[in-house]
N, C-alpha and C. Protein backbone atom coordinates (compact mmCIF):
# COMPACT_ATOMS: atom_id res chain seq x y z
N SER A 1 -14.67 -14.28 7.33
CA SER A 1 -16.18 -14.21 6.86
C SER A 1 -16.78 -13.96 7.88
N VAL A 2 -18.16 -13.71 7.60
CA VAL A 2 -19.06 -13.26 8.57
C VAL A 2 -19.36 -14.37 9.49
N VAL A 3 -19.57 -15.67 8.80
CA VAL A 3 -19.93 -16.77 9.65
C VAL A 3 -18.85 -17.28 10.62
N ILE A 4 -17.65 -17.17 10.12
CA ILE A 4 -16.25 -17.37 10.93
C ILE A 4 -16.27 -16.70 12.22
N GLN A 5 -16.54 -15.16 11.95
CA GLN A 5 -16.69 -14.16 13.12
C GLN A 5 -17.86 -14.48 14.05
N GLU A 6 -18.99 -14.86 13.54
CA GLU A 6 -19.86 -15.35 14.24
C GLU A 6 -19.78 -16.36 15.20
N PHE A 7 -18.78 -17.57 14.63
CA PHE A 7 -18.15 -18.72 15.60
C PHE A 7 -17.49 -18.12 16.66
N TYR A 8 -16.39 -17.54 16.34
CA TYR A 8 -15.65 -16.81 17.30
C TYR A 8 -16.23 -16.14 18.38
N VAL A 9 -17.12 -15.37 18.07
CA VAL A 9 -17.91 -14.39 18.68
C VAL A 9 -18.34 -15.31 19.95
N GLN A 10 -19.35 -16.05 19.42
CA GLN A 10 -20.37 -17.14 20.31
C GLN A 10 -19.61 -17.74 21.34
N ASN A 11 -18.39 -18.51 20.78
CA ASN A 11 -17.83 -19.15 21.71
C ASN A 11 -16.94 -18.47 22.69
N THR A 12 -16.19 -17.45 22.23
CA THR A 12 -15.77 -16.48 23.08
C THR A 12 -16.48 -16.18 24.54
N ALA A 13 -17.82 -15.71 23.96
CA ALA A 13 -18.73 -15.26 25.00
C ALA A 13 -19.13 -16.61 25.79
N ARG A 14 -19.33 -17.88 25.25
CA ARG A 14 -19.68 -18.85 25.81
C ARG A 14 -18.70 -19.15 26.91
N GLU A 15 -17.18 -18.74 26.64
CA GLU A 15 -16.24 -19.35 27.69
C GLU A 15 -16.46 -18.23 28.96
N TYR A 16 -16.61 -16.89 28.45
CA TYR A 16 -17.03 -15.96 29.97
C TYR A 16 -18.20 -16.37 30.67
N ALA A 17 -19.07 -17.03 29.84
CA ALA A 17 -20.24 -17.35 30.46
C ALA A 17 -20.22 -18.46 31.27
N LYS A 18 -19.04 -19.58 31.13
CA LYS A 18 -18.75 -20.60 31.92
C LYS A 18 -18.04 -20.32 33.32
N LEU A 19 -17.09 -19.23 33.00
CA LEU A 19 -16.39 -18.36 34.19
C LEU A 19 -17.54 -17.81 35.25
N TYR A 20 -18.51 -17.06 34.59
CA TYR A 20 -19.50 -16.58 35.44
C TYR A 20 -20.27 -17.52 36.01
N ALA A 21 -20.48 -18.51 35.49
CA ALA A 21 -21.46 -19.75 35.92
C ALA A 21 -20.60 -20.28 37.20
N ALA A 22 -19.18 -20.32 37.06
CA ALA A 22 -18.43 -20.94 38.16
C ALA A 22 -18.47 -20.17 39.22
N GLU A 23 -18.57 -19.10 39.25
CA GLU A 23 -18.44 -17.99 40.44
C GLU A 23 -19.86 -17.53 40.69
N ALA A 24 -20.86 -17.78 40.05
CA ALA A 24 -22.24 -17.52 40.58
C ALA A 24 -22.89 -18.56 41.02
N GLU A 25 -23.09 -19.55 40.77
CA GLU A 25 -23.85 -21.19 41.19
C GLU A 25 -23.42 -21.45 42.53
N PRO A 26 -22.30 -21.22 42.82
CA PRO A 26 -21.97 -21.69 44.51
C PRO A 26 -22.75 -20.60 45.38
N LEU A 27 -23.21 -19.35 45.19
CA LEU A 27 -23.50 -18.39 45.80
C LEU A 27 -25.08 -19.06 46.26
N GLU A 28 -25.05 -18.99 47.49
CA GLU A 28 -26.58 -19.18 48.20
C GLU A 28 -28.00 -18.21 47.45
N GLY A 29 -28.86 -18.94 46.97
CA GLY A 29 -29.75 -18.37 46.72
C GLY A 29 -29.75 -17.53 45.23
N PHE A 30 -28.59 -17.63 44.38
CA PHE A 30 -28.26 -17.24 42.96
C PHE A 30 -29.38 -17.87 42.16
N GLY A 31 -28.96 -19.32 42.37
CA GLY A 31 -29.88 -20.17 41.26
C GLY A 31 -29.22 -20.70 40.13
N GLU A 32 -30.17 -20.84 39.12
CA GLU A 32 -29.65 -21.03 37.87
C GLU A 32 -29.01 -19.85 36.96
N VAL A 33 -28.02 -20.26 36.03
CA VAL A 33 -27.30 -19.36 35.47
C VAL A 33 -27.33 -19.37 33.87
N PRO A 34 -27.39 -18.03 33.34
CA PRO A 34 -27.54 -18.46 31.82
C PRO A 34 -26.40 -19.06 31.20
N GLU A 35 -26.80 -19.79 30.19
CA GLU A 35 -25.66 -20.76 29.38
C GLU A 35 -25.41 -20.22 28.12
N ILE A 36 -24.81 -19.74 27.26
CA ILE A 36 -24.64 -19.44 25.87
C ILE A 36 -24.22 -20.74 25.13
N ILE A 37 -25.30 -21.53 24.55
CA ILE A 37 -24.70 -22.42 23.87
C ILE A 37 -23.86 -22.44 22.68
N PRO A 38 -23.16 -23.67 22.62
CA PRO A 38 -22.02 -23.71 21.69
C PRO A 38 -22.43 -23.83 20.12
N ILE A 39 -21.70 -23.03 19.65
CA ILE A 39 -21.88 -23.08 17.96
C ILE A 39 -20.57 -23.72 17.24
N PHE A 40 -21.14 -24.43 16.18
CA PHE A 40 -20.09 -25.40 15.54
C PHE A 40 -19.89 -24.89 14.09
N LEU A 41 -18.50 -24.81 13.77
CA LEU A 41 -18.22 -24.51 12.26
C LEU A 41 -18.16 -25.57 11.48
N ILE A 42 -18.80 -25.52 10.27
CA ILE A 42 -18.47 -26.73 9.44
C ILE A 42 -18.11 -26.24 7.76
N HIS A 43 -17.28 -27.13 7.44
CA HIS A 43 -16.73 -26.48 6.21
C HIS A 43 -17.35 -27.38 4.89
N ARG A 44 -17.96 -26.70 3.96
CA ARG A 44 -18.72 -27.66 2.91
C ARG A 44 -17.77 -26.94 1.69
N PRO A 45 -16.46 -27.39 1.28
CA PRO A 45 -15.93 -27.03 0.18
C PRO A 45 -16.58 -27.14 -1.12
N ALA A 46 -17.62 -27.93 -1.55
CA ALA A 46 -18.34 -27.80 -2.72
C ALA A 46 -19.37 -26.98 -2.77
N ASN A 47 -19.82 -26.23 -1.43
CA ASN A 47 -20.56 -25.26 -1.51
C ASN A 47 -20.46 -24.10 -1.94
N ASN A 48 -21.27 -23.06 -2.52
CA ASN A 48 -20.90 -21.73 -2.87
C ASN A 48 -20.70 -21.20 -1.46
N ILE A 49 -21.07 -21.30 -0.43
CA ILE A 49 -20.97 -20.79 0.72
C ILE A 49 -20.24 -21.76 1.67
N PRO A 50 -18.99 -21.86 1.47
CA PRO A 50 -18.17 -22.96 1.80
C PRO A 50 -18.38 -23.09 3.65
N TYR A 51 -18.45 -22.20 4.09
CA TYR A 51 -18.61 -22.07 5.81
C TYR A 51 -19.89 -21.89 6.30
N ALA A 52 -20.36 -22.80 7.37
CA ALA A 52 -21.60 -22.46 8.04
C ALA A 52 -21.48 -23.02 9.28
N THR A 53 -22.62 -22.31 10.21
CA THR A 53 -22.54 -22.93 11.45
C THR A 53 -23.65 -23.79 12.16
N VAL A 54 -23.69 -24.45 13.04
CA VAL A 54 -24.68 -25.59 13.50
C VAL A 54 -24.82 -25.50 14.75
N GLU A 55 -25.92 -25.26 15.44
CA GLU A 55 -26.11 -25.12 16.72
C GLU A 55 -27.57 -25.87 17.36
N GLU A 56 -27.72 -26.30 18.70
CA GLU A 56 -28.80 -26.52 19.23
C GLU A 56 -30.10 -25.56 18.39
N GLU A 57 -31.22 -26.43 18.30
CA GLU A 57 -32.38 -25.59 18.10
C GLU A 57 -33.16 -25.34 19.46
N LEU A 58 -33.20 -24.02 19.81
CA LEU A 58 -33.87 -23.71 21.11
C LEU A 58 -35.70 -23.60 20.83
N VAL A 59 -36.04 -24.73 21.60
CA VAL A 59 -37.58 -24.58 21.43
C VAL A 59 -38.19 -23.66 22.58
N GLY A 60 -39.25 -23.00 22.07
CA GLY A 60 -40.11 -21.97 23.59
C GLY A 60 -39.95 -20.72 22.81
N GLU A 61 -40.09 -19.88 23.42
CA GLU A 61 -40.68 -18.43 23.50
C GLU A 61 -39.13 -17.83 23.54
N PHE A 62 -38.58 -17.17 22.31
CA PHE A 62 -37.66 -16.69 21.95
C PHE A 62 -37.56 -15.24 22.46
N VAL A 63 -36.90 -14.85 23.29
CA VAL A 63 -36.86 -13.31 24.04
C VAL A 63 -35.40 -12.67 23.99
N LYS A 64 -35.63 -11.48 23.57
CA LYS A 64 -34.25 -10.67 23.56
C LYS A 64 -34.05 -9.85 24.79
N TYR A 65 -33.24 -10.23 25.61
CA TYR A 65 -32.91 -9.70 26.98
C TYR A 65 -32.53 -8.52 26.93
N SER A 66 -31.42 -8.34 25.97
CA SER A 66 -30.62 -7.07 25.58
C SER A 66 -30.62 -6.79 24.21
N VAL A 67 -30.73 -5.36 23.96
CA VAL A 67 -30.28 -5.14 22.55
C VAL A 67 -29.03 -4.77 22.17
N LYS A 68 -28.66 -4.65 20.94
CA LYS A 68 -27.63 -4.55 20.39
C LYS A 68 -26.80 -3.31 20.82
N ASP A 69 -27.17 -2.04 21.21
CA ASP A 69 -26.53 -0.77 21.64
C ASP A 69 -26.37 -0.65 22.78
N GLY A 70 -26.75 -1.70 23.59
CA GLY A 70 -26.58 -1.72 24.95
C GLY A 70 -27.76 -0.89 25.90
N LYS A 71 -28.60 -0.52 25.03
CA LYS A 71 -29.50 0.24 26.08
C LYS A 71 -30.44 -0.80 26.84
N GLU A 72 -30.97 -0.44 28.24
CA GLU A 72 -31.90 -1.50 28.67
C GLU A 72 -32.85 -1.30 28.83
N VAL A 73 -34.00 -1.49 27.71
CA VAL A 73 -35.31 -1.03 27.31
C VAL A 73 -36.07 -2.22 27.22
N ASN A 74 -35.72 -3.39 27.28
CA ASN A 74 -36.48 -4.55 27.15
C ASN A 74 -36.96 -5.07 28.49
N PHE A 75 -38.40 -5.02 28.66
CA PHE A 75 -38.89 -5.18 30.26
C PHE A 75 -38.97 -6.58 30.32
N LEU A 76 -38.93 -7.39 29.26
CA LEU A 76 -38.82 -8.79 29.77
C LEU A 76 -37.45 -9.13 30.29
N ARG A 77 -36.41 -8.27 29.83
CA ARG A 77 -35.18 -8.76 30.25
C ARG A 77 -35.00 -8.30 31.61
N ARG A 78 -35.53 -6.77 31.61
CA ARG A 78 -35.50 -6.15 33.11
C ARG A 78 -36.26 -6.79 34.16
N ASP A 79 -37.46 -7.41 33.85
CA ASP A 79 -38.07 -7.98 35.13
C ASP A 79 -37.98 -9.26 35.33
N SER A 80 -37.49 -10.37 34.33
CA SER A 80 -37.51 -11.75 34.52
C SER A 80 -36.32 -12.01 35.09
N GLU A 81 -36.13 -13.22 35.80
CA GLU A 81 -35.12 -13.88 36.53
C GLU A 81 -33.81 -14.10 35.43
N ALA A 82 -34.32 -14.32 34.06
CA ALA A 82 -33.41 -14.72 33.44
C ALA A 82 -32.65 -13.39 32.58
N GLY A 83 -33.68 -12.71 32.69
CA GLY A 83 -33.09 -10.94 31.87
C GLY A 83 -32.22 -10.25 33.17
N GLN A 84 -32.70 -10.75 34.34
CA GLN A 84 -31.75 -9.70 35.55
C GLN A 84 -30.51 -10.32 35.45
N LYS A 85 -30.48 -11.90 35.03
CA LYS A 85 -29.05 -12.40 35.61
C LYS A 85 -28.38 -12.45 34.16
N CYS A 86 -28.88 -12.08 33.02
CA CYS A 86 -28.34 -11.68 31.88
C CYS A 86 -27.58 -10.39 32.21
N CYS A 87 -28.32 -9.52 32.60
CA CYS A 87 -27.93 -8.16 32.74
C CYS A 87 -26.43 -8.48 33.96
N THR A 88 -26.70 -9.04 34.77
CA THR A 88 -25.90 -9.16 35.68
C THR A 88 -24.46 -9.70 35.06
N PHE A 89 -24.65 -10.96 34.29
CA PHE A 89 -23.49 -11.08 33.35
C PHE A 89 -22.57 -10.42 32.79
N GLN A 90 -23.64 -9.42 31.90
CA GLN A 90 -23.01 -8.19 31.16
C GLN A 90 -21.93 -7.34 32.22
N HIS A 91 -22.60 -7.13 33.18
CA HIS A 91 -22.01 -6.51 34.50
C HIS A 91 -20.42 -7.08 34.66
N TRP A 92 -20.76 -8.30 34.99
CA TRP A 92 -19.76 -9.32 35.51
C TRP A 92 -18.39 -8.97 34.37
N VAL A 93 -18.70 -9.55 33.14
CA VAL A 93 -17.63 -9.58 31.90
C VAL A 93 -17.17 -8.07 32.11
N TYR A 94 -17.93 -7.17 32.30
CA TYR A 94 -17.32 -5.78 31.86
C TYR A 94 -16.50 -5.12 33.16
N GLU A 95 -16.69 -5.80 34.13
CA GLU A 95 -15.96 -5.73 35.63
C GLU A 95 -14.43 -6.51 35.23
N LYS A 96 -14.78 -7.76 34.89
CA LYS A 96 -13.75 -8.55 34.80
C LYS A 96 -12.63 -8.07 33.96
N THR A 97 -13.10 -7.59 32.78
CA THR A 97 -12.21 -7.24 31.52
C THR A 97 -11.63 -5.40 31.87
N ASN A 98 -12.12 -5.33 32.89
CA ASN A 98 -11.59 -3.69 33.31
C ASN A 98 -12.33 -2.90 32.13
N GLY A 99 -13.41 -3.13 31.75
CA GLY A 99 -14.24 -2.33 30.91
C GLY A 99 -13.84 -2.35 29.55
N ASN A 100 -12.81 -3.28 29.19
CA ASN A 100 -12.62 -3.16 27.82
C ASN A 100 -13.44 -4.44 26.91
N LEU A 101 -14.32 -5.04 27.46
CA LEU A 101 -15.22 -6.06 26.74
C LEU A 101 -16.24 -5.98 27.38
N LEU A 102 -17.61 -6.18 26.53
CA LEU A 102 -19.10 -6.25 26.77
C LEU A 102 -19.45 -7.35 25.95
N VAL A 103 -20.47 -8.63 26.84
CA VAL A 103 -21.04 -9.16 25.71
C VAL A 103 -22.44 -8.73 25.78
N THR A 104 -22.99 -8.69 24.30
CA THR A 104 -24.34 -8.01 24.29
C THR A 104 -25.20 -8.83 23.28
N ASP A 105 -26.30 -8.33 22.95
CA ASP A 105 -27.18 -8.70 22.04
C ASP A 105 -27.52 -10.27 22.82
N LEU A 106 -27.97 -10.26 24.05
CA LEU A 106 -28.30 -11.60 24.63
C LEU A 106 -29.86 -11.84 24.40
N GLN A 107 -29.96 -12.86 24.01
CA GLN A 107 -31.26 -13.52 23.45
C GLN A 107 -31.40 -14.83 23.60
N GLY A 108 -32.46 -15.52 23.75
CA GLY A 108 -32.71 -17.11 23.54
C GLY A 108 -33.90 -17.23 24.21
N VAL A 109 -33.89 -18.76 24.54
CA VAL A 109 -35.18 -19.02 25.28
C VAL A 109 -34.92 -19.46 26.59
N GLY A 110 -35.39 -18.98 27.78
CA GLY A 110 -35.33 -19.30 29.16
C GLY A 110 -33.73 -18.66 29.39
N MET A 111 -32.71 -19.75 30.12
CA MET A 111 -31.39 -19.40 30.37
C MET A 111 -30.86 -19.80 29.10
N LYS A 112 -30.96 -20.54 28.34
CA LYS A 112 -29.97 -20.68 27.06
C LYS A 112 -30.18 -19.60 26.15
N LEU A 113 -29.05 -19.15 25.81
CA LEU A 113 -28.63 -18.08 25.01
C LEU A 113 -28.00 -18.20 23.80
N THR A 114 -28.17 -17.28 22.65
CA THR A 114 -27.73 -17.88 21.29
C THR A 114 -27.27 -16.44 20.45
N ASP A 115 -26.71 -16.49 19.67
CA ASP A 115 -26.60 -15.49 18.72
C ASP A 115 -26.11 -13.98 19.19
N VAL A 116 -25.35 -14.02 20.09
CA VAL A 116 -24.87 -13.14 21.03
C VAL A 116 -23.64 -12.15 20.15
N GLY A 117 -23.48 -10.90 20.52
CA GLY A 117 -22.61 -10.06 20.23
C GLY A 117 -21.69 -9.44 21.35
N ILE A 118 -20.24 -9.42 20.88
CA ILE A 118 -19.36 -8.91 21.64
C ILE A 118 -18.66 -7.35 21.27
N ALA A 119 -18.68 -6.68 22.23
CA ALA A 119 -18.02 -5.27 21.87
C ALA A 119 -17.15 -5.20 22.66
N THR A 120 -15.70 -4.41 22.10
CA THR A 120 -14.57 -4.12 22.72
C THR A 120 -14.17 -2.90 22.33
N LEU A 121 -13.26 -2.31 23.26
CA LEU A 121 -12.60 -1.02 22.63
C LEU A 121 -12.05 -1.00 21.68
N ALA A 122 -11.56 -0.03 21.18
CA ALA A 122 -10.75 0.00 19.85
C ALA A 122 -9.84 -1.08 19.43
N LYS A 123 -9.19 -0.98 20.43
CA LYS A 123 -7.60 -1.69 20.45
C LYS A 123 -7.88 -3.48 20.35
N GLY A 124 -9.02 -3.53 20.92
CA GLY A 124 -9.51 -5.10 21.02
C GLY A 124 -9.24 -5.25 22.60
N TYR A 125 -9.29 -6.61 22.80
CA TYR A 125 -9.07 -7.36 24.36
C TYR A 125 -8.25 -8.46 24.27
N LYS A 126 -7.10 -8.34 24.45
CA LYS A 126 -6.09 -9.33 24.63
C LYS A 126 -6.03 -10.39 23.47
N GLY A 127 -5.84 -9.40 22.39
CA GLY A 127 -5.99 -9.96 21.07
C GLY A 127 -7.34 -10.24 20.12
N PHE A 128 -8.46 -10.03 20.89
CA PHE A 128 -9.66 -10.34 20.44
C PHE A 128 -10.30 -9.18 20.01
N LYS A 129 -11.03 -9.00 18.76
CA LYS A 129 -11.95 -7.76 18.58
C LYS A 129 -13.33 -8.25 18.34
N GLY A 130 -14.10 -7.32 18.93
CA GLY A 130 -15.69 -7.79 18.90
C GLY A 130 -16.23 -7.46 17.33
N ASN A 131 -17.76 -7.81 17.28
CA ASN A 131 -18.41 -7.33 16.01
C ASN A 131 -19.46 -6.47 16.43
N CYS A 132 -19.14 -5.56 17.48
CA CYS A 132 -20.24 -4.35 17.81
C CYS A 132 -19.41 -3.30 18.10
N SER A 133 -19.78 -2.20 17.90
CA SER A 133 -19.46 -0.79 18.07
C SER A 133 -19.05 -0.74 19.60
N PHE A 134 -17.76 -0.13 19.78
CA PHE A 134 -17.17 0.18 21.15
C PHE A 134 -18.36 0.95 21.96
N SER A 135 -18.86 1.84 21.06
CA SER A 135 -19.70 2.78 21.87
C SER A 135 -20.79 1.92 22.75
N PHE A 136 -21.14 0.78 22.26
CA PHE A 136 -21.96 -0.01 23.23
C PHE A 136 -21.53 -0.09 24.32
N ILE A 137 -20.23 0.00 24.77
CA ILE A 137 -19.74 0.00 26.28
C ILE A 137 -20.04 1.21 26.83
N GLU A 138 -19.80 2.24 26.26
CA GLU A 138 -20.15 3.75 26.93
C GLU A 138 -21.59 3.40 27.33
N GLN A 139 -22.53 3.10 26.50
CA GLN A 139 -23.97 3.00 26.70
C GLN A 139 -24.48 2.22 27.77
N PHE A 140 -23.87 1.29 27.87
CA PHE A 140 -24.08 0.06 28.81
C PHE A 140 -23.42 0.68 30.27
N ARG A 141 -22.47 1.31 30.06
CA ARG A 141 -21.77 1.68 31.62
C ARG A 141 -22.85 2.90 32.15
N ALA A 142 -23.30 3.76 31.35
CA ALA A 142 -24.30 4.88 31.34
C ALA A 142 -25.48 4.52 31.80
N LEU A 143 -25.90 3.40 31.08
CA LEU A 143 -27.47 3.02 31.21
C LEU A 143 -27.70 1.92 32.52
N HIS A 144 -26.64 1.02 32.79
CA HIS A 144 -26.97 -0.14 33.64
C HIS A 144 -27.44 0.19 35.10
N GLN A 145 -28.43 -0.76 35.24
CA GLN A 145 -29.10 -0.37 36.83
C GLN A 145 -28.52 -1.87 37.50
N CYS A 146 -28.03 -1.75 38.56
CA CYS A 146 -27.53 -3.04 39.32
C CYS A 146 -28.81 -3.38 39.92
N ASN A 147 -29.10 -4.94 39.94
CA ASN A 147 -29.95 -5.33 40.67
C ASN A 147 -29.45 -6.49 41.62
N GLU A 148 -30.37 -7.29 42.01
CA GLU A 148 -29.74 -8.30 43.51
C GLU A 148 -28.61 -8.84 43.26
N TYR A 149 -28.59 -9.38 41.86
CA TYR A 149 -27.61 -10.75 41.38
C TYR A 149 -26.29 -10.01 41.07
N CYS A 150 -26.13 -8.62 40.99
CA CYS A 150 -25.19 -7.84 40.83
C CYS A 150 -24.59 -7.79 42.26
N GLU A 151 -25.59 -7.42 43.15
CA GLU A 151 -25.06 -7.08 44.68
C GLU A 151 -24.62 -8.71 45.13
N MET A 152 -25.08 -9.78 44.92
CA MET A 152 -24.52 -10.89 45.18
C MET A 152 -23.11 -11.05 44.79
N LEU A 153 -22.97 -10.78 43.82
CA LEU A 153 -21.74 -11.03 43.07
C LEU A 153 -20.83 -10.09 43.51
N GLY A 154 -21.19 -9.22 44.36
CA GLY A 154 -20.05 -7.88 44.71
C GLY A 154 -19.71 -7.18 43.83
N LEU A 155 -20.58 -6.74 42.80
CA LEU A 155 -20.00 -5.96 41.42
C LEU A 155 -20.55 -4.74 41.98
N LYS A 156 -19.25 -3.89 41.43
CA LYS A 156 -19.55 -2.38 42.10
C LYS A 156 -20.46 -1.48 40.97
N SER A 157 -21.20 -0.58 41.51
CA SER A 157 -22.22 0.40 40.70
C SER A 157 -21.31 0.87 39.68
N LEU A 158 -21.90 0.76 38.52
CA LEU A 158 -21.15 1.59 37.31
C LEU A 158 -21.34 2.89 37.28
N ARG A 159 -22.52 3.50 37.96
CA ARG A 159 -22.98 4.97 37.88
C ARG A 159 -21.70 5.85 38.39
N THR A 160 -21.20 5.31 39.67
CA THR A 160 -20.24 6.01 40.38
C THR A 160 -19.01 5.84 39.64
N THR A 161 -18.76 4.59 39.18
CA THR A 161 -17.32 4.49 38.31
C THR A 161 -17.36 5.49 37.20
N HIS A 162 -18.59 5.40 36.43
CA HIS A 162 -19.01 6.27 35.07
C HIS A 162 -18.81 8.02 35.47
N GLN A 163 -19.32 8.45 36.90
CA GLN A 163 -19.12 9.81 37.12
C GLN A 163 -17.73 10.09 37.17
N LYS A 164 -16.85 9.19 37.82
CA LYS A 164 -15.60 9.57 38.19
C LYS A 164 -14.85 9.48 36.91
N GLN A 165 -14.96 8.50 36.00
CA GLN A 165 -14.12 8.58 34.67
C GLN A 165 -14.63 9.66 33.70
N ARG A 166 -15.87 10.20 33.85
CA ARG A 166 -16.21 11.59 33.03
C ARG A 166 -15.46 12.49 33.74
N LYS A 167 -14.85 12.53 34.88
CA LYS A 167 -14.21 13.78 35.31
C LYS A 167 -12.75 13.92 35.10
N THR A 168 -12.18 12.69 34.97
CA THR A 168 -11.14 12.10 34.56
C THR A 168 -10.88 12.48 33.15
N THR A 169 -11.72 11.92 32.20
CA THR A 169 -11.71 12.20 30.89
C THR A 169 -11.98 13.48 30.47
N SER A 170 -12.58 14.48 31.14
CA SER A 170 -12.37 15.89 30.72
C SER A 170 -11.55 16.47 30.90
N THR A 171 -10.70 16.37 31.83
CA THR A 171 -9.08 16.89 31.86
C THR A 171 -7.98 15.89 31.28
N LYS A 172 -8.40 14.92 30.45
CA LYS A 172 -7.49 13.90 29.80
C LYS A 172 -8.08 13.57 28.78
N SER A 173 -8.49 14.61 27.86
CA SER A 173 -8.93 13.94 26.81
C SER A 173 -8.44 13.42 25.70
N LYS A 174 -7.04 13.33 25.69
CA LYS A 174 -6.22 12.81 24.83
C LYS A 174 -6.12 11.37 24.79
N ASN A 175 -6.48 10.77 26.17
CA ASN A 175 -6.69 9.61 26.35
C ASN A 175 -8.15 8.92 25.58
N LEU A 176 -8.93 9.44 25.07
CA LEU A 176 -10.19 8.98 24.74
C LEU A 176 -9.68 8.49 23.33
N PRO A 177 -10.59 7.11 23.30
CA PRO A 177 -10.20 6.55 21.59
C PRO A 177 -10.64 7.55 20.68
N ASN A 178 -10.19 7.55 19.58
CA ASN A 178 -10.17 8.37 18.37
C ASN A 178 -10.92 7.46 17.47
N SER A 179 -12.32 8.10 17.30
CA SER A 179 -13.36 7.27 16.32
C SER A 179 -12.58 7.22 15.05
N SER A 180 -11.74 7.56 14.50
CA SER A 180 -11.18 7.64 13.12
C SER A 180 -10.35 6.56 12.99
N THR A 181 -9.72 5.86 14.15
CA THR A 181 -8.87 4.65 13.91
C THR A 181 -9.72 3.52 14.33
N ILE A 182 -11.15 3.66 14.60
CA ILE A 182 -11.70 2.24 14.71
C ILE A 182 -12.22 1.66 13.31
N LYS A 183 -11.82 0.52 13.25
CA LYS A 183 -12.26 -0.42 12.15
C LYS A 183 -13.75 -0.73 12.40
N LYS A 184 -14.29 -0.50 11.08
CA LYS A 184 -15.72 -0.95 11.09
C LYS A 184 -15.82 -2.31 11.21
N MET A 185 -16.65 -2.83 11.79
CA MET A 185 -16.74 -4.23 11.81
C MET A 185 -18.02 -4.47 11.06
N VAL A 186 -17.79 -6.07 10.29
CA VAL A 186 -18.73 -6.38 9.51
C VAL A 186 -19.95 -6.91 10.28
N PRO A 187 -21.27 -6.44 10.09
CA PRO A 187 -22.24 -6.69 10.72
C PRO A 187 -22.63 -8.09 10.73
N LYS A 188 -23.30 -8.51 11.74
CA LYS A 188 -23.50 -9.98 11.79
C LYS A 188 -24.54 -10.36 10.74
N LYS A 189 -24.47 -11.24 9.95
CA LYS A 189 -25.35 -11.73 8.85
C LYS A 189 -26.48 -12.49 9.35
N ALA A 190 -27.69 -12.29 8.69
CA ALA A 190 -28.87 -13.16 9.17
C ALA A 190 -28.57 -14.38 9.09
N ARG A 191 -29.50 -15.22 9.81
CA ARG A 191 -29.31 -16.40 10.26
C ARG A 191 -29.71 -17.64 9.27
N GLU A 192 -29.47 -16.99 7.99
CA GLU A 192 -29.85 -17.92 6.81
C GLU A 192 -28.68 -19.14 6.71
N HIS A 193 -27.64 -18.99 6.90
CA HIS A 193 -26.79 -19.91 6.96
C HIS A 193 -26.42 -20.76 7.98
N ARG A 194 -27.47 -20.58 9.09
CA ARG A 194 -27.27 -21.30 10.47
C ARG A 194 -28.09 -22.61 10.36
N ASP A 195 -27.68 -23.66 10.77
CA ASP A 195 -28.51 -24.86 10.71
C ASP A 195 -28.44 -25.16 12.33
N PHE A 196 -29.59 -25.89 12.45
CA PHE A 196 -30.21 -26.31 13.86
C PHE A 196 -29.98 -28.09 13.85
N ILE A 197 -29.50 -28.22 15.12
CA ILE A 197 -29.61 -29.57 15.27
C ILE A 197 -30.67 -29.86 16.61
N SER A 198 -31.51 -31.04 16.69
CA SER A 198 -32.70 -30.87 17.50
C SER A 198 -31.92 -31.26 18.66
N SER A 199 -32.59 -30.26 19.88
CA SER A 199 -32.32 -30.74 21.42
C SER A 199 -33.04 -31.77 22.03
N GLU A 200 -33.91 -32.59 21.08
CA GLU A 200 -34.44 -33.78 21.55
C GLU A 200 -33.43 -34.86 21.66
N HIS A 201 -33.57 -35.43 22.73
CA HIS A 201 -32.43 -36.89 22.98
C HIS A 201 -33.12 -38.17 22.73
């Protein structure tokens, strides 16, 4: 179901965010690292919709730091510290998975993120398939602009990588993914079946 898929996507992205934090936090001057909050799956057998998700309620200004199609057009995302670190997180995941996976649709309050998406290449990545089109990966690779946090982590510029890959694929077009073999993923459902738990302690 869509709800179960949402559960797996967000918690998979959360695990990548933990690894990112472990690498970024010790760096001098990096500061706070974005966190993808956990999402919990509950089963309600007596309900018409048996599965639902529960997560912490985020209080404050909700900002979309990146859009689902991978384009970098959100000024708050681009200019704010949280936005730049989200951008670096996307780049870090892209590099760590050799361009096979991209966390997208990053949004939330401050450094706390929720309702994210994942794009994978057609074949998936290590048995996991995302809920966003693989074309988002291409768009991110073409449009991403590195910032100071990318440099602090030693991430390679995607522009030079993208240009090299374009030259390679022009002579080896048979290696390009065939769009006819791509399974259409079920779009993320509206948040109507997601409940919240108070962040107050």
